[in-house]
């Protein structure tokens, strides 16, 4: 199974909420965003799964999802793209955006 097939089966065909972080090793804003995501991860455990995709290595996945700039965050719930954010975000801004987006997802 290649990268895009694995991504589809583990994220796009899965139930639940995923925050996919498309990043690159030479992207300075990506490193800043990574620190914010790490700070938030424990608070969303059980609600949101954080996924990192190196866009330089997984070009097929980045292309399929229309990633045009790094960093790009895509919130996926039950296989549907709910939100897309491009560029670095502060910890406060990111938490606010996630809380708003997750709050809009209907309960099962």
N, C-alpha and C. Protein backbone atom coordinates (compact mmCIF):
# COMPACT_ATOMS: atom_id res chain seq x y z
N UNK A 1 0.86 -1.18 0.00
CA UNK A 1 0.00 0.00 0.00
C UNK A 1 0.90 1.24 0.00
N UNK A 2 0.64 2.16 -0.91
CA UNK A 2 1.46 3.37 -0.97
C UNK A 2 0.93 4.42 0.01
N UNK A 3 1.60 5.58 0.07
CA UNK A 3 1.26 6.62 1.02
C UNK A 3 -0.16 7.13 0.90
N UNK A 4 -0.62 7.38 -0.30
CA UNK A 4 -1.97 7.92 -0.49
C UNK A 4 -3.01 6.87 -0.12
N UNK A 5 -2.77 5.61 -0.47
CA UNK A 5 -3.72 4.55 -0.10
C UNK A 5 -3.79 4.38 1.41
N UNK A 6 -2.65 4.45 2.07
CA UNK A 6 -2.60 4.35 3.53
C UNK A 6 -3.35 5.52 4.15
N UNK A 7 -3.12 6.71 3.64
CA UNK A 7 -3.79 7.91 4.15
C UNK A 7 -5.31 7.76 4.01
N UNK A 8 -5.74 7.31 2.85
CA UNK A 8 -7.19 7.15 2.62
C UNK A 8 -7.78 6.14 3.60
N UNK A 9 -7.12 5.01 3.77
CA UNK A 9 -7.69 3.97 4.63
C UNK A 9 -7.65 4.35 6.11
N UNK A 10 -6.61 5.04 6.54
CA UNK A 10 -6.48 5.36 7.97
C UNK A 10 -7.14 6.67 8.37
N UNK A 11 -7.34 7.58 7.44
CA UNK A 11 -7.90 8.89 7.77
C UNK A 11 -9.23 9.12 7.06
N UNK A 12 -9.23 9.06 5.75
CA UNK A 12 -10.41 9.43 4.98
C UNK A 12 -11.55 8.41 5.10
N UNK A 13 -11.24 7.16 5.37
CA UNK A 13 -12.28 6.14 5.50
C UNK A 13 -12.58 5.81 6.95
N UNK A 14 -11.93 6.51 7.87
CA UNK A 14 -12.09 6.23 9.30
C UNK A 14 -13.14 7.15 9.92
N UNK A 15 -13.71 6.69 11.00
CA UNK A 15 -14.63 7.51 11.78
C UNK A 15 -13.81 8.32 12.78
N UNK A 16 -14.25 9.53 13.03
CA UNK A 16 -13.56 10.36 14.01
C UNK A 16 -13.05 11.64 13.39
N UNK A 17 -12.39 12.44 14.23
CA UNK A 17 -11.86 13.73 13.80
C UNK A 17 -10.34 13.68 13.78
N UNK A 18 -9.78 14.24 12.71
CA UNK A 18 -8.34 14.25 12.50
C UNK A 18 -7.89 15.65 12.12
N UNK A 19 -6.82 16.11 12.71
CA UNK A 19 -6.20 17.36 12.29
C UNK A 19 -4.91 17.00 11.58
N UNK A 20 -4.89 17.22 10.26
CA UNK A 20 -3.74 16.85 9.45
C UNK A 20 -2.88 18.09 9.24
N UNK A 21 -1.63 17.97 9.67
CA UNK A 21 -0.65 19.05 9.57
C UNK A 21 0.29 18.74 8.42
N UNK A 22 0.15 19.48 7.32
CA UNK A 22 1.07 19.36 6.19
C UNK A 22 2.21 20.33 6.45
N UNK A 23 3.41 19.82 6.54
CA UNK A 23 4.58 20.61 6.91
C UNK A 23 5.76 20.22 6.03
N UNK A 24 6.84 20.98 6.15
CA UNK A 24 8.09 20.68 5.45
C UNK A 24 9.26 20.98 6.36
N UNK A 25 10.33 20.21 6.27
CA UNK A 25 11.46 20.38 7.17
C UNK A 25 12.18 21.73 7.01
N UNK A 26 12.08 22.37 5.85
CA UNK A 26 12.75 23.65 5.66
C UNK A 26 11.81 24.84 5.88
N UNK A 27 10.62 24.58 6.41
CA UNK A 27 9.60 25.60 6.61
C UNK A 27 9.64 26.09 8.06
N UNK A 28 10.19 27.29 8.27
CA UNK A 28 10.30 27.83 9.63
C UNK A 28 8.94 28.01 10.30
N UNK A 29 7.91 28.54 9.62
CA UNK A 29 6.59 28.65 10.27
C UNK A 29 6.03 27.28 10.67
N UNK A 30 6.40 26.24 9.94
CA UNK A 30 5.94 24.88 10.27
C UNK A 30 6.47 24.46 11.64
N UNK A 31 7.72 24.82 11.92
CA UNK A 31 8.32 24.45 13.20
C UNK A 31 7.64 25.19 14.34
N UNK A 32 7.30 26.47 14.13
CA UNK A 32 6.58 27.23 15.14
C UNK A 32 5.20 26.62 15.38
N UNK A 33 4.50 26.28 14.31
CA UNK A 33 3.18 25.68 14.43
C UNK A 33 3.26 24.33 15.14
N UNK A 34 4.31 23.58 14.87
CA UNK A 34 4.49 22.28 15.51
C UNK A 34 4.52 22.41 17.03
N UNK A 35 5.18 23.44 17.53
CA UNK A 35 5.23 23.65 18.98
C UNK A 35 3.83 23.93 19.53
N UNK A 36 3.03 24.71 18.82
CA UNK A 36 1.66 25.00 19.24
C UNK A 36 0.82 23.72 19.22
N UNK A 37 0.97 22.91 18.18
CA UNK A 37 0.20 21.67 18.09
C UNK A 37 0.57 20.71 19.22
N UNK A 38 1.85 20.60 19.51
CA UNK A 38 2.29 19.74 20.60
C UNK A 38 1.70 20.20 21.93
N UNK A 39 1.60 21.50 22.13
CA UNK A 39 1.03 22.04 23.36
C UNK A 39 -0.46 21.73 23.48
N UNK A 40 -1.14 21.60 22.36
CA UNK A 40 -2.59 21.36 22.35
C UNK A 40 -2.97 19.88 22.37
N UNK A 41 -2.08 19.03 21.94
CA UNK A 41 -2.43 17.63 21.69
C UNK A 41 -3.06 16.93 22.90
N UNK A 42 -2.50 17.07 24.08
CA UNK A 42 -3.05 16.38 25.25
C UNK A 42 -4.47 16.83 25.56
N UNK A 43 -4.76 18.11 25.39
CA UNK A 43 -6.09 18.64 25.69
C UNK A 43 -7.18 18.12 24.78
N UNK A 44 -6.82 17.61 23.60
CA UNK A 44 -7.81 17.10 22.65
C UNK A 44 -7.79 15.58 22.55
N UNK A 45 -7.01 14.93 23.41
CA UNK A 45 -6.91 13.47 23.37
C UNK A 45 -8.30 12.85 23.54
N UNK A 46 -8.61 11.90 22.67
CA UNK A 46 -9.91 11.26 22.70
C UNK A 46 -10.95 11.96 21.83
N UNK A 47 -10.68 13.20 21.45
CA UNK A 47 -11.59 13.98 20.62
C UNK A 47 -11.05 14.17 19.22
N UNK A 48 -9.73 14.34 19.14
CA UNK A 48 -9.08 14.71 17.89
C UNK A 48 -7.75 13.98 17.79
N UNK A 49 -7.50 13.39 16.63
CA UNK A 49 -6.23 12.73 16.37
C UNK A 49 -5.37 13.65 15.52
N UNK A 50 -4.15 13.92 15.97
CA UNK A 50 -3.22 14.77 15.26
C UNK A 50 -2.37 13.92 14.33
N UNK A 51 -2.27 14.33 13.06
CA UNK A 51 -1.52 13.60 12.04
C UNK A 51 -0.56 14.57 11.36
N UNK A 52 0.70 14.17 11.23
CA UNK A 52 1.70 15.01 10.55
C UNK A 52 2.04 14.36 9.21
N UNK A 53 2.02 15.18 8.16
CA UNK A 53 2.39 14.72 6.82
C UNK A 53 3.50 15.63 6.30
N UNK A 54 4.66 15.04 6.04
CA UNK A 54 5.76 15.79 5.45
C UNK A 54 5.43 15.95 3.96
N UNK A 55 5.03 17.16 3.57
CA UNK A 55 4.59 17.42 2.20
C UNK A 55 5.71 17.21 1.18
N UNK A 56 6.96 17.34 1.61
CA UNK A 56 8.08 17.11 0.70
C UNK A 56 8.22 15.63 0.36
N UNK A 57 7.89 14.76 1.31
CA UNK A 57 8.01 13.32 1.11
C UNK A 57 6.73 12.70 0.56
N UNK A 58 5.59 13.26 0.92
CA UNK A 58 4.28 12.72 0.52
C UNK A 58 3.60 13.68 -0.46
N UNK A 59 4.26 13.89 -1.59
CA UNK A 59 3.78 14.84 -2.59
C UNK A 59 2.40 14.45 -3.12
N UNK A 60 2.15 13.16 -3.30
CA UNK A 60 0.85 12.71 -3.82
C UNK A 60 -0.29 13.11 -2.88
N UNK A 61 -0.08 12.95 -1.57
CA UNK A 61 -1.12 13.30 -0.60
C UNK A 61 -1.33 14.81 -0.60
N UNK A 62 -0.23 15.56 -0.55
CA UNK A 62 -0.33 17.03 -0.54
C UNK A 62 -1.03 17.53 -1.80
N UNK A 63 -0.72 16.95 -2.94
CA UNK A 63 -1.34 17.35 -4.21
C UNK A 63 -2.83 17.03 -4.20
N UNK A 64 -3.18 15.84 -3.77
CA UNK A 64 -4.59 15.44 -3.76
C UNK A 64 -5.43 16.37 -2.87
N UNK A 65 -4.83 16.89 -1.80
CA UNK A 65 -5.56 17.75 -0.89
C UNK A 65 -5.36 19.23 -1.18
N UNK A 66 -4.77 19.53 -2.33
CA UNK A 66 -4.66 20.91 -2.78
C UNK A 66 -3.78 21.79 -1.91
N UNK A 67 -2.77 21.19 -1.29
CA UNK A 67 -1.85 21.96 -0.45
C UNK A 67 -0.98 22.81 -1.36
N UNK A 68 -1.08 24.12 -1.19
CA UNK A 68 -0.34 25.06 -2.02
C UNK A 68 0.70 25.84 -1.22
N UNK A 69 0.58 25.81 0.09
CA UNK A 69 1.52 26.51 0.95
C UNK A 69 1.66 25.78 2.26
N UNK A 70 2.79 25.96 2.88
CA UNK A 70 3.05 25.32 4.17
C UNK A 70 3.22 26.38 5.24
N UNK A 71 2.79 26.09 6.43
CA UNK A 71 2.03 24.91 6.83
C UNK A 71 0.56 25.03 6.43
N UNK A 72 -0.06 23.88 6.23
CA UNK A 72 -1.50 23.79 5.99
C UNK A 72 -2.08 22.79 6.96
N UNK A 73 -3.14 23.19 7.64
CA UNK A 73 -3.87 22.29 8.54
C UNK A 73 -5.22 21.99 7.92
N UNK A 74 -5.60 20.71 7.92
CA UNK A 74 -6.91 20.30 7.42
C UNK A 74 -7.59 19.48 8.50
N UNK A 75 -8.78 19.93 8.89
CA UNK A 75 -9.59 19.22 9.87
C UNK A 75 -10.55 18.32 9.11
N UNK A 76 -10.47 17.02 9.38
CA UNK A 76 -11.29 16.02 8.71
C UNK A 76 -12.13 15.31 9.76
N UNK A 77 -13.43 15.19 9.49
CA UNK A 77 -14.31 14.45 10.40
C UNK A 77 -15.10 13.44 9.58
N UNK A 78 -14.99 12.17 9.97
CA UNK A 78 -15.68 11.07 9.27
C UNK A 78 -15.49 11.14 7.76
N UNK A 79 -14.25 11.43 7.35
CA UNK A 79 -13.90 11.43 5.93
C UNK A 79 -14.23 12.70 5.18
N UNK A 80 -14.80 13.69 5.86
CA UNK A 80 -15.16 14.95 5.21
C UNK A 80 -14.24 16.07 5.69
N UNK A 81 -13.76 16.87 4.76
CA UNK A 81 -12.95 18.04 5.14
C UNK A 81 -13.89 19.08 5.72
N UNK A 82 -13.61 19.47 6.97
CA UNK A 82 -14.45 20.43 7.68
C UNK A 82 -13.87 21.84 7.62
N UNK A 83 -12.56 21.94 7.74
CA UNK A 83 -11.88 23.24 7.76
C UNK A 83 -10.49 23.09 7.15
N UNK A 84 -9.97 24.21 6.70
CA UNK A 84 -8.60 24.28 6.16
C UNK A 84 -8.01 25.60 6.61
N UNK A 85 -6.82 25.54 7.20
CA UNK A 85 -6.12 26.75 7.63
C UNK A 85 -4.72 26.73 7.04
N UNK A 86 -4.33 27.84 6.46
CA UNK A 86 -3.01 27.95 5.84
C UNK A 86 -2.19 28.98 6.59
N UNK A 87 -0.94 28.65 6.85
CA UNK A 87 -0.04 29.56 7.55
C UNK A 87 0.04 29.26 9.03
N UNK A 88 1.07 29.80 9.65
CA UNK A 88 1.28 29.58 11.08
C UNK A 88 0.19 30.28 11.88
N UNK A 89 -0.19 29.67 12.98
CA UNK A 89 -1.20 30.21 13.88
C UNK A 89 -0.62 30.20 15.29
N UNK A 90 -1.03 31.18 16.07
CA UNK A 90 -0.61 31.19 17.48
C UNK A 90 -1.37 30.09 18.22
N UNK A 91 -0.87 29.73 19.37
CA UNK A 91 -1.52 28.72 20.20
C UNK A 91 -2.96 29.13 20.51
N UNK A 92 -3.17 30.38 20.90
CA UNK A 92 -4.50 30.87 21.24
C UNK A 92 -5.44 30.85 20.04
N UNK A 93 -4.96 31.32 18.91
CA UNK A 93 -5.76 31.35 17.69
C UNK A 93 -6.13 29.94 17.25
N UNK A 94 -5.17 29.05 17.29
CA UNK A 94 -5.40 27.67 16.87
C UNK A 94 -6.42 26.99 17.77
N UNK A 95 -6.29 27.16 19.07
CA UNK A 95 -7.24 26.56 20.01
C UNK A 95 -8.64 27.10 19.76
N UNK A 96 -8.76 28.39 19.54
CA UNK A 96 -10.06 29.00 19.27
C UNK A 96 -10.68 28.43 17.99
N UNK A 97 -9.89 28.31 16.94
CA UNK A 97 -10.38 27.78 15.66
C UNK A 97 -10.80 26.31 15.81
N UNK A 98 -10.00 25.53 16.52
CA UNK A 98 -10.34 24.12 16.72
C UNK A 98 -11.62 23.97 17.55
N UNK A 99 -11.71 24.72 18.64
CA UNK A 99 -12.90 24.62 19.49
C UNK A 99 -14.16 24.98 18.70
N UNK A 100 -14.09 26.03 17.90
CA UNK A 100 -15.24 26.46 17.09
C UNK A 100 -15.61 25.37 16.07
N UNK A 101 -14.61 24.86 15.37
CA UNK A 101 -14.86 23.86 14.33
C UNK A 101 -15.38 22.55 14.93
N UNK A 102 -14.77 22.10 16.02
CA UNK A 102 -15.21 20.86 16.65
C UNK A 102 -16.60 21.00 17.26
N UNK A 103 -16.91 22.20 17.76
CA UNK A 103 -18.22 22.46 18.32
C UNK A 103 -19.33 22.42 17.28
N UNK A 104 -18.97 22.63 16.02
CA UNK A 104 -19.97 22.63 14.93
C UNK A 104 -20.25 21.24 14.39
N UNK A 105 -19.48 20.25 14.83
CA UNK A 105 -19.69 18.88 14.37
C UNK A 105 -20.84 18.27 15.15
N UNK A 106 -21.87 17.79 14.45
CA UNK A 106 -23.02 17.19 15.15
C UNK A 106 -22.62 15.96 15.96
N UNK A 107 -23.21 15.81 17.11
CA UNK A 107 -22.94 14.63 17.95
C UNK A 107 -23.64 13.42 17.32
N UNK A 108 -23.01 12.28 17.51
CA UNK A 108 -23.58 11.04 16.93
C UNK A 108 -24.75 10.56 17.74
